[in-house]
């Protein structure tokens, strides 16, 4: 049965009225940003990798000592710059869109390796041994969860696009 142009399921004369709130019109810029959000994410993550990598190569990274102390069995004199070179190359590939699937897999492995700090150097990661109270270095490591998740989004978008 139809009442006032509304179909009722039980045939009664009292229709269920649903109120529609008009959504505000989004600007063309917002639509453009939403349509391009995954490529923007890919480029910005790439820039972060290039930036952090360049700091490691030049010896100005605030985490050089932390990296060296986390893997003391490898010489920091080549380990830290080598990680920097990897990060610059990976970041450049992300910015340019080259081998995105492979690069996101490799950067995910690289980022997961940063979590070694939490296990090997807990005193540098947690205040008073409490895993809920992160130090600055602990926060630096834990924020890599966001970069890992971003890598998943980038890889999925790229896979769908290149199909």
N, C-alpha and C. Protein backbone atom coordinates (compact mmCIF):
# COMPACT_ATOMS: atom_id res chain seq x y z
N UNK A 1 0.84 -1.17 0.00
CA UNK A 1 0.00 0.00 0.00
C UNK A 1 0.89 1.24 0.00
N UNK A 2 0.44 2.29 -0.66
CA UNK A 2 1.18 3.54 -0.73
C UNK A 2 0.37 4.63 -0.07
N UNK A 3 1.00 5.33 0.89
CA UNK A 3 0.35 6.43 1.58
C UNK A 3 1.23 7.65 1.40
N UNK A 4 0.63 8.71 0.84
CA UNK A 4 1.39 9.94 0.59
C UNK A 4 2.70 9.65 -0.15
N UNK A 5 2.66 8.75 -1.08
CA UNK A 5 3.84 8.44 -1.87
C UNK A 5 4.84 7.55 -1.16
N UNK A 6 4.48 7.03 0.03
CA UNK A 6 5.39 6.19 0.79
C UNK A 6 4.78 4.80 0.89
N UNK A 7 5.55 3.82 0.54
CA UNK A 7 5.11 2.44 0.58
C UNK A 7 5.14 1.95 2.02
N UNK A 8 4.05 1.36 2.50
CA UNK A 8 4.04 0.76 3.83
C UNK A 8 4.10 -0.74 3.66
N UNK A 9 4.87 -1.37 4.54
CA UNK A 9 5.08 -2.81 4.38
C UNK A 9 3.93 -3.63 4.94
N UNK A 10 3.22 -3.12 5.93
CA UNK A 10 2.17 -3.93 6.55
C UNK A 10 0.77 -3.54 6.11
N UNK A 11 0.66 -2.60 5.19
CA UNK A 11 -0.64 -2.22 4.68
C UNK A 11 -1.39 -1.24 5.56
N UNK A 12 -0.79 -0.78 6.64
CA UNK A 12 -1.47 0.17 7.51
C UNK A 12 -1.42 1.55 6.89
N UNK A 13 -2.25 2.44 7.44
CA UNK A 13 -2.30 3.80 6.91
C UNK A 13 -1.24 4.69 7.57
N UNK A 14 -0.46 4.17 8.51
CA UNK A 14 0.55 4.97 9.18
C UNK A 14 1.93 4.58 8.67
N UNK A 15 2.43 5.32 7.74
CA UNK A 15 3.74 4.97 7.18
C UNK A 15 4.87 5.35 8.14
N UNK A 16 5.96 4.66 8.01
CA UNK A 16 7.16 5.03 8.75
C UNK A 16 7.81 6.17 7.98
N UNK A 17 8.01 7.28 8.66
CA UNK A 17 8.59 8.43 8.00
C UNK A 17 10.06 8.51 8.37
N UNK A 18 10.88 8.56 7.36
CA UNK A 18 12.32 8.71 7.58
C UNK A 18 12.68 10.14 7.21
N UNK A 19 13.35 10.78 8.13
CA UNK A 19 13.77 12.16 7.87
C UNK A 19 15.12 12.13 7.17
N UNK A 20 15.19 12.85 6.09
CA UNK A 20 16.46 12.98 5.37
C UNK A 20 17.05 14.33 5.68
N UNK A 21 18.28 14.29 6.12
CA UNK A 21 18.99 15.54 6.35
C UNK A 21 19.84 15.79 5.12
N UNK A 22 19.66 16.92 4.56
CA UNK A 22 20.43 17.25 3.35
C UNK A 22 21.90 17.40 3.71
N UNK A 23 22.73 16.67 3.01
CA UNK A 23 24.17 16.76 3.23
C UNK A 23 24.67 18.04 2.58
N UNK A 24 25.60 18.72 3.28
CA UNK A 24 26.13 19.93 2.65
C UNK A 24 26.89 19.57 1.39
N UNK A 25 26.85 20.45 0.43
CA UNK A 25 27.55 20.20 -0.83
C UNK A 25 29.04 20.36 -0.61
N UNK A 26 29.76 19.37 -1.07
CA UNK A 26 31.20 19.43 -0.95
C UNK A 26 31.77 20.18 -2.14
N UNK A 27 32.84 20.83 -1.89
CA UNK A 27 33.46 21.59 -2.96
C UNK A 27 34.19 20.66 -3.93
N UNK A 28 34.49 21.17 -5.08
CA UNK A 28 35.23 20.40 -6.08
C UNK A 28 36.60 20.02 -5.54
N UNK A 29 37.19 20.89 -4.74
CA UNK A 29 38.52 20.62 -4.17
C UNK A 29 38.47 19.41 -3.24
N UNK A 30 37.42 19.33 -2.43
CA UNK A 30 37.28 18.19 -1.51
C UNK A 30 37.13 16.91 -2.31
N UNK A 31 36.30 16.94 -3.34
CA UNK A 31 36.13 15.75 -4.18
C UNK A 31 37.44 15.35 -4.84
N UNK A 32 38.18 16.34 -5.32
CA UNK A 32 39.46 16.06 -5.95
C UNK A 32 40.42 15.42 -4.94
N UNK A 33 40.48 15.96 -3.72
CA UNK A 33 41.36 15.40 -2.69
C UNK A 33 40.96 13.96 -2.34
N UNK A 34 39.67 13.72 -2.22
CA UNK A 34 39.21 12.36 -1.92
C UNK A 34 39.54 11.41 -3.05
N UNK A 35 39.34 11.85 -4.28
CA UNK A 35 39.65 11.01 -5.44
C UNK A 35 41.14 10.71 -5.55
N UNK A 36 41.98 11.60 -5.06
CA UNK A 36 43.43 11.45 -5.20
C UNK A 36 44.12 11.15 -3.87
N UNK A 37 43.36 10.75 -2.85
CA UNK A 37 43.95 10.57 -1.51
C UNK A 37 45.01 9.48 -1.47
N UNK A 38 44.81 8.37 -2.15
CA UNK A 38 45.80 7.30 -2.11
C UNK A 38 47.11 7.71 -2.80
N UNK A 39 47.07 8.33 -3.98
CA UNK A 39 48.33 8.80 -4.56
C UNK A 39 49.00 9.88 -3.70
N UNK A 40 48.20 10.75 -3.08
CA UNK A 40 48.78 11.76 -2.20
C UNK A 40 49.47 11.07 -1.02
N UNK A 41 48.82 10.06 -0.46
CA UNK A 41 49.42 9.30 0.64
C UNK A 41 50.73 8.65 0.19
N UNK A 42 50.74 8.06 -1.00
CA UNK A 42 51.95 7.42 -1.53
C UNK A 42 53.09 8.42 -1.63
N UNK A 43 52.81 9.58 -2.18
CA UNK A 43 53.86 10.59 -2.36
C UNK A 43 54.34 11.12 -1.02
N UNK A 44 53.42 11.39 -0.09
CA UNK A 44 53.85 11.94 1.20
C UNK A 44 54.64 10.93 2.01
N UNK A 45 54.25 9.67 1.98
CA UNK A 45 55.04 8.64 2.67
C UNK A 45 56.42 8.54 2.01
N UNK A 46 56.46 8.64 0.69
CA UNK A 46 57.73 8.64 -0.02
C UNK A 46 58.62 9.79 0.41
N UNK A 47 58.05 10.97 0.55
CA UNK A 47 58.82 12.14 1.00
C UNK A 47 59.38 11.91 2.39
N UNK A 48 58.58 11.34 3.28
CA UNK A 48 59.05 11.05 4.64
C UNK A 48 60.23 10.08 4.59
N UNK A 49 60.13 9.04 3.77
CA UNK A 49 61.24 8.09 3.66
C UNK A 49 62.50 8.76 3.11
N UNK A 50 62.35 9.59 2.09
CA UNK A 50 63.52 10.28 1.53
C UNK A 50 64.14 11.18 2.60
N UNK A 51 63.32 11.89 3.32
CA UNK A 51 63.80 12.83 4.34
C UNK A 51 64.53 12.09 5.46
N UNK A 52 63.89 11.07 6.01
CA UNK A 52 64.52 10.31 7.11
C UNK A 52 65.79 9.61 6.62
N UNK A 53 65.74 9.08 5.41
CA UNK A 53 66.91 8.41 4.86
C UNK A 53 68.08 9.36 4.66
N UNK A 54 67.79 10.55 4.15
CA UNK A 54 68.84 11.55 3.95
C UNK A 54 69.49 11.94 5.28
N UNK A 55 68.68 12.04 6.32
CA UNK A 55 69.24 12.34 7.65
C UNK A 55 70.19 11.24 8.11
N UNK A 56 69.85 9.99 7.85
CA UNK A 56 70.72 8.87 8.23
C UNK A 56 72.02 8.89 7.42
N UNK A 57 71.92 9.15 6.14
CA UNK A 57 73.10 9.16 5.27
C UNK A 57 74.07 10.26 5.71
N UNK A 58 73.54 11.42 6.05
CA UNK A 58 74.38 12.56 6.41
C UNK A 58 74.83 12.55 7.87
N UNK A 59 74.30 11.61 8.66
CA UNK A 59 74.69 11.53 10.07
C UNK A 59 73.93 12.46 10.98
N UNK A 60 72.85 13.07 10.49
CA UNK A 60 72.08 14.01 11.29
C UNK A 60 70.78 13.44 11.86
N UNK A 61 70.54 12.16 11.67
CA UNK A 61 69.30 11.56 12.16
C UNK A 61 69.34 11.48 13.69
N UNK A 62 68.26 11.87 14.34
CA UNK A 62 68.21 11.77 15.80
C UNK A 62 68.16 10.32 16.30
N UNK A 63 67.97 9.36 15.39
CA UNK A 63 67.90 7.96 15.81
C UNK A 63 69.15 7.16 15.45
N UNK A 64 70.19 7.81 14.97
CA UNK A 64 71.42 7.09 14.62
C UNK A 64 71.93 6.25 15.79
N UNK A 65 72.03 6.86 16.96
CA UNK A 65 72.55 6.14 18.12
C UNK A 65 71.60 5.02 18.55
N UNK A 66 70.32 5.27 18.46
CA UNK A 66 69.33 4.24 18.82
C UNK A 66 69.44 3.04 17.89
N UNK A 67 69.56 3.29 16.60
CA UNK A 67 69.71 2.20 15.63
C UNK A 67 70.98 1.41 15.93
N UNK A 68 72.07 2.13 16.15
CA UNK A 68 73.35 1.47 16.42
C UNK A 68 73.29 0.63 17.69
N UNK A 69 72.62 1.14 18.72
CA UNK A 69 72.53 0.40 19.99
C UNK A 69 71.57 -0.78 19.89
N UNK A 70 70.63 -0.72 18.98
CA UNK A 70 69.66 -1.81 18.83
C UNK A 70 70.28 -3.01 18.13
N UNK A 71 71.21 -2.75 17.23
CA UNK A 71 71.87 -3.82 16.49
C UNK A 71 73.39 -3.67 16.69
N UNK A 72 73.85 -3.90 17.92
CA UNK A 72 75.26 -3.62 18.23
C UNK A 72 76.25 -4.55 17.53
N UNK A 73 75.78 -5.66 17.02
CA UNK A 73 76.67 -6.62 16.36
C UNK A 73 76.98 -6.23 14.92
N UNK A 74 76.35 -5.15 14.43
CA UNK A 74 76.65 -4.62 13.10
C UNK A 74 77.27 -3.24 13.25
N UNK A 75 78.31 -2.94 12.49
CA UNK A 75 78.97 -1.64 12.62
C UNK A 75 78.05 -0.49 12.21
N UNK A 76 77.84 0.43 13.12
CA UNK A 76 76.97 1.59 12.86
C UNK A 76 77.51 2.44 11.72
N UNK A 77 78.81 2.41 11.52
CA UNK A 77 79.43 3.26 10.49
C UNK A 77 78.90 2.95 9.09
N UNK A 78 78.45 1.73 8.86
CA UNK A 78 77.86 1.42 7.56
C UNK A 78 76.39 1.06 7.67
N UNK A 79 75.94 0.54 8.84
CA UNK A 79 74.54 0.15 8.97
C UNK A 79 73.59 1.33 8.82
N UNK A 80 73.84 2.38 9.58
CA UNK A 80 72.93 3.53 9.56
C UNK A 80 72.89 4.17 8.17
N UNK A 81 74.04 4.47 7.54
CA UNK A 81 73.96 5.01 6.18
C UNK A 81 73.31 4.04 5.18
N UNK A 82 73.54 2.74 5.34
CA UNK A 82 72.92 1.77 4.43
C UNK A 82 71.40 1.79 4.57
N UNK A 83 70.91 1.89 5.81
CA UNK A 83 69.47 2.01 6.01
C UNK A 83 68.96 3.31 5.37
N UNK A 84 69.77 4.36 5.49
CA UNK A 84 69.40 5.63 4.87
C UNK A 84 69.30 5.54 3.37
N UNK A 85 70.26 4.84 2.76
CA UNK A 85 70.22 4.66 1.30
C UNK A 85 68.96 3.89 0.91
N UNK A 86 68.66 2.83 1.65
CA UNK A 86 67.44 2.07 1.38
C UNK A 86 66.22 2.99 1.46
N UNK A 87 66.15 3.81 2.51
CA UNK A 87 64.99 4.68 2.70
C UNK A 87 64.88 5.72 1.59
N UNK A 88 66.00 6.27 1.16
CA UNK A 88 65.97 7.25 0.06
C UNK A 88 65.49 6.58 -1.23
N UNK A 89 66.02 5.39 -1.52
CA UNK A 89 65.61 4.69 -2.74
C UNK A 89 64.13 4.30 -2.67
N UNK A 90 63.71 3.77 -1.53
CA UNK A 90 62.30 3.38 -1.38
C UNK A 90 61.40 4.59 -1.48
N UNK A 91 61.77 5.68 -0.83
CA UNK A 91 60.97 6.90 -0.88
C UNK A 91 60.88 7.46 -2.28
N UNK A 92 62.00 7.43 -3.00
CA UNK A 92 62.00 7.92 -4.38
C UNK A 92 61.08 7.06 -5.25
N UNK A 93 61.13 5.75 -5.04
CA UNK A 93 60.24 4.86 -5.80
C UNK A 93 58.78 5.15 -5.49
N UNK A 94 58.46 5.41 -4.23
CA UNK A 94 57.08 5.73 -3.89
C UNK A 94 56.65 7.05 -4.51
N UNK A 95 57.50 8.06 -4.43
CA UNK A 95 57.16 9.37 -5.00
C UNK A 95 56.90 9.24 -6.50
N UNK A 96 57.72 8.47 -7.18
CA UNK A 96 57.60 8.34 -8.64
C UNK A 96 56.64 7.24 -9.07
N UNK A 97 56.19 6.39 -8.14
CA UNK A 97 55.25 5.33 -8.47
C UNK A 97 55.89 4.11 -9.12
N UNK A 98 57.18 3.90 -8.88
CA UNK A 98 57.90 2.77 -9.48
C UNK A 98 57.87 1.58 -8.53
N UNK A 99 57.46 0.43 -9.06
CA UNK A 99 57.48 -0.84 -8.30
C UNK A 99 56.82 -0.70 -6.91
N UNK A 100 55.67 -0.10 -6.90
CA UNK A 100 54.99 0.25 -5.65
C UNK A 100 54.70 -0.98 -4.78
N UNK A 101 54.24 -2.06 -5.38
CA UNK A 101 53.94 -3.26 -4.60
C UNK A 101 55.17 -3.81 -3.90
N UNK A 102 56.25 -3.94 -4.63
CA UNK A 102 57.51 -4.43 -4.05
C UNK A 102 58.02 -3.47 -2.98
N UNK A 103 58.00 -2.19 -3.28
CA UNK A 103 58.52 -1.20 -2.34
C UNK A 103 57.72 -1.17 -1.05
N UNK A 104 56.39 -1.25 -1.15
CA UNK A 104 55.59 -1.25 0.08
C UNK A 104 55.85 -2.51 0.90
N UNK A 105 56.08 -3.63 0.26
CA UNK A 105 56.41 -4.86 1.00
C UNK A 105 57.75 -4.69 1.72
N UNK A 106 58.75 -4.17 1.01
CA UNK A 106 60.07 -3.99 1.61
C UNK A 106 60.06 -2.95 2.73
N UNK A 107 59.34 -1.86 2.52
CA UNK A 107 59.29 -0.84 3.58
C UNK A 107 58.53 -1.35 4.79
N UNK A 108 57.53 -2.19 4.58
CA UNK A 108 56.82 -2.79 5.72
C UNK A 108 57.76 -3.66 6.53
N UNK A 109 58.56 -4.49 5.86
CA UNK A 109 59.54 -5.31 6.58
C UNK A 109 60.54 -4.42 7.32
N UNK A 110 61.00 -3.39 6.66
CA UNK A 110 61.94 -2.45 7.27
C UNK A 110 61.32 -1.82 8.52
N UNK A 111 60.08 -1.36 8.42
CA UNK A 111 59.41 -0.72 9.55
C UNK A 111 59.15 -1.70 10.68
N UNK A 112 58.81 -2.94 10.34
CA UNK A 112 58.61 -3.93 11.39
C UNK A 112 59.91 -4.19 12.15
N UNK A 113 61.03 -4.08 11.45
CA UNK A 113 62.33 -4.23 12.10
C UNK A 113 62.58 -3.16 13.15
N UNK A 114 61.96 -1.99 12.99
CA UNK A 114 62.16 -0.93 13.98
C UNK A 114 61.58 -1.31 15.34
N UNK A 115 60.65 -2.24 15.35
CA UNK A 115 60.04 -2.64 16.62
C UNK A 115 60.98 -3.48 17.49
N UNK A 116 62.13 -3.87 16.92
CA UNK A 116 63.15 -4.54 17.73
C UNK A 116 63.57 -3.68 18.92
N UNK A 117 63.53 -2.38 18.74
CA UNK A 117 63.90 -1.46 19.82
C UNK A 117 63.06 -1.73 21.06
N UNK A 118 61.78 -2.00 20.87
CA UNK A 118 60.90 -2.22 22.01
C UNK A 118 61.31 -3.46 22.81
N UNK A 119 61.84 -4.47 22.12
CA UNK A 119 62.24 -5.71 22.79
C UNK A 119 63.68 -5.66 23.29
N UNK A 120 64.56 -5.12 22.46
CA UNK A 120 65.99 -5.15 22.78
C UNK A 120 66.39 -4.01 23.71
N UNK A 121 65.75 -2.86 23.56
CA UNK A 121 66.09 -1.68 24.37
C UNK A 121 64.85 -1.12 25.05
N UNK A 122 64.18 -1.93 25.89
CA UNK A 122 62.95 -1.42 26.52
C UNK A 122 63.20 -0.19 27.39
N UNK A 123 64.39 -0.09 27.97
CA UNK A 123 64.69 1.08 28.81
C UNK A 123 64.72 2.37 28.00
N UNK A 124 64.95 2.26 26.69
CA UNK A 124 64.94 3.44 25.83
C UNK A 124 63.55 3.72 25.28
N UNK A 125 62.64 2.77 25.45
CA UNK A 125 61.31 2.88 24.85
C UNK A 125 60.20 3.18 25.85
N UNK A 126 60.38 2.69 27.08
CA UNK A 126 59.31 2.80 28.07
C UNK A 126 59.82 3.48 29.34
N UNK A 127 58.99 4.34 29.92
CA UNK A 127 59.35 4.96 31.19
C UNK A 127 59.00 4.01 32.32
N UNK A 128 59.95 3.81 33.22
CA UNK A 128 59.78 2.95 34.39
C UNK A 128 59.34 1.54 34.03
N UNK A 129 59.72 1.08 32.84
CA UNK A 129 59.38 -0.28 32.41
C UNK A 129 57.92 -0.48 32.07
N UNK A 130 57.12 0.57 32.06
CA UNK A 130 55.69 0.46 31.79
C UNK A 130 55.45 0.62 30.28
N UNK A 131 54.96 -0.43 29.61
CA UNK A 131 54.77 -0.35 28.15
C UNK A 131 53.70 0.65 27.72
N UNK A 132 52.93 1.19 28.64
CA UNK A 132 51.95 2.20 28.29
C UNK A 132 52.53 3.62 28.36
N UNK A 133 53.71 3.73 28.99
CA UNK A 133 54.35 5.03 29.13
C UNK A 133 55.55 5.11 28.20
N UNK A 134 55.32 5.56 27.00
CA UNK A 134 56.37 5.61 25.99
C UNK A 134 57.29 6.80 26.21
N UNK A 135 58.56 6.58 25.93
CA UNK A 135 59.51 7.69 25.87
C UNK A 135 59.40 8.31 24.48
N UNK A 136 60.16 9.37 24.24
CA UNK A 136 60.17 9.98 22.91
C UNK A 136 60.61 8.95 21.87
N UNK A 137 61.63 8.16 22.22
CA UNK A 137 62.08 7.13 21.27
C UNK A 137 61.02 6.06 21.09
N UNK A 138 60.33 5.70 22.16
CA UNK A 138 59.24 4.73 22.05
C UNK A 138 58.13 5.23 21.15
N UNK A 139 57.78 6.51 21.29
CA UNK A 139 56.76 7.08 20.41
C UNK A 139 57.23 7.08 18.96
N UNK A 140 58.50 7.38 18.75
CA UNK A 140 59.06 7.39 17.39
C UNK A 140 58.90 6.02 16.74
N UNK A 141 59.09 4.96 17.52
CA UNK A 141 58.97 3.60 17.00
C UNK A 141 57.50 3.23 16.78
N UNK A 142 56.66 3.49 17.78
CA UNK A 142 55.26 3.08 17.71
C UNK A 142 54.52 3.80 16.58
N UNK A 143 54.89 5.04 16.26
CA UNK A 143 54.23 5.74 15.16
C UNK A 143 54.45 5.01 13.84
N UNK A 144 55.42 4.11 13.78
CA UNK A 144 55.63 3.35 12.55
C UNK A 144 54.44 2.45 12.23
N UNK A 145 53.59 2.18 13.22
CA UNK A 145 52.35 1.45 12.94
C UNK A 145 51.52 2.19 11.90
N UNK A 146 51.52 3.52 11.98
CA UNK A 146 50.77 4.33 11.01
C UNK A 146 51.39 4.20 9.63
N UNK A 147 52.73 4.21 9.56
CA UNK A 147 53.39 4.06 8.26
C UNK A 147 53.16 2.67 7.68
N UNK A 148 53.12 1.65 8.52
CA UNK A 148 52.82 0.29 8.04
C UNK A 148 51.40 0.25 7.47
N UNK A 149 50.44 0.81 8.21
CA UNK A 149 49.06 0.84 7.73
C UNK A 149 48.95 1.64 6.43
N UNK A 150 49.69 2.76 6.35
CA UNK A 150 49.69 3.55 5.12
C UNK A 150 50.23 2.72 3.96
N UNK A 151 51.25 1.92 4.22
CA UNK A 151 51.80 1.04 3.18
C UNK A 151 50.76 0.05 2.67
N UNK A 152 49.94 -0.48 3.58
CA UNK A 152 48.88 -1.39 3.16
C UNK A 152 47.87 -0.69 2.25
N UNK A 153 47.49 0.53 2.62
CA UNK A 153 46.53 1.29 1.82
C UNK A 153 47.13 1.59 0.44
N UNK A 154 48.39 2.01 0.43
CA UNK A 154 49.06 2.33 -0.84
C UNK A 154 49.13 1.09 -1.73
N UNK A 155 49.54 -0.04 -1.16
CA UNK A 155 49.66 -1.27 -1.94
C UNK A 155 48.31 -1.71 -2.49
N UNK A 156 47.27 -1.64 -1.67
CA UNK A 156 45.94 -2.05 -2.12
C UNK A 156 45.44 -1.14 -3.24
N UNK A 157 45.62 0.16 -3.09
CA UNK A 157 45.19 1.10 -4.14
C UNK A 157 45.95 0.83 -5.44
N UNK A 158 47.25 0.62 -5.33
CA UNK A 158 48.06 0.39 -6.51
C UNK A 158 47.64 -0.93 -7.19
N UNK A 159 47.37 -1.95 -6.38
CA UNK A 159 46.94 -3.24 -6.93
C UNK A 159 45.62 -3.11 -7.69
N UNK A 160 44.70 -2.37 -7.11
CA UNK A 160 43.40 -2.17 -7.78
C UNK A 160 43.57 -1.38 -9.07
N UNK A 161 44.47 -0.39 -9.03
CA UNK A 161 44.67 0.47 -10.19
C UNK A 161 45.36 -0.26 -11.33
N UNK A 162 46.30 -1.12 -10.98
CA UNK A 162 47.08 -1.81 -12.03
C UNK A 162 46.54 -3.20 -12.31
N UNK A 163 45.64 -3.65 -11.43
CA UNK A 163 44.90 -4.84 -11.55
C UNK A 163 45.38 -6.07 -12.03
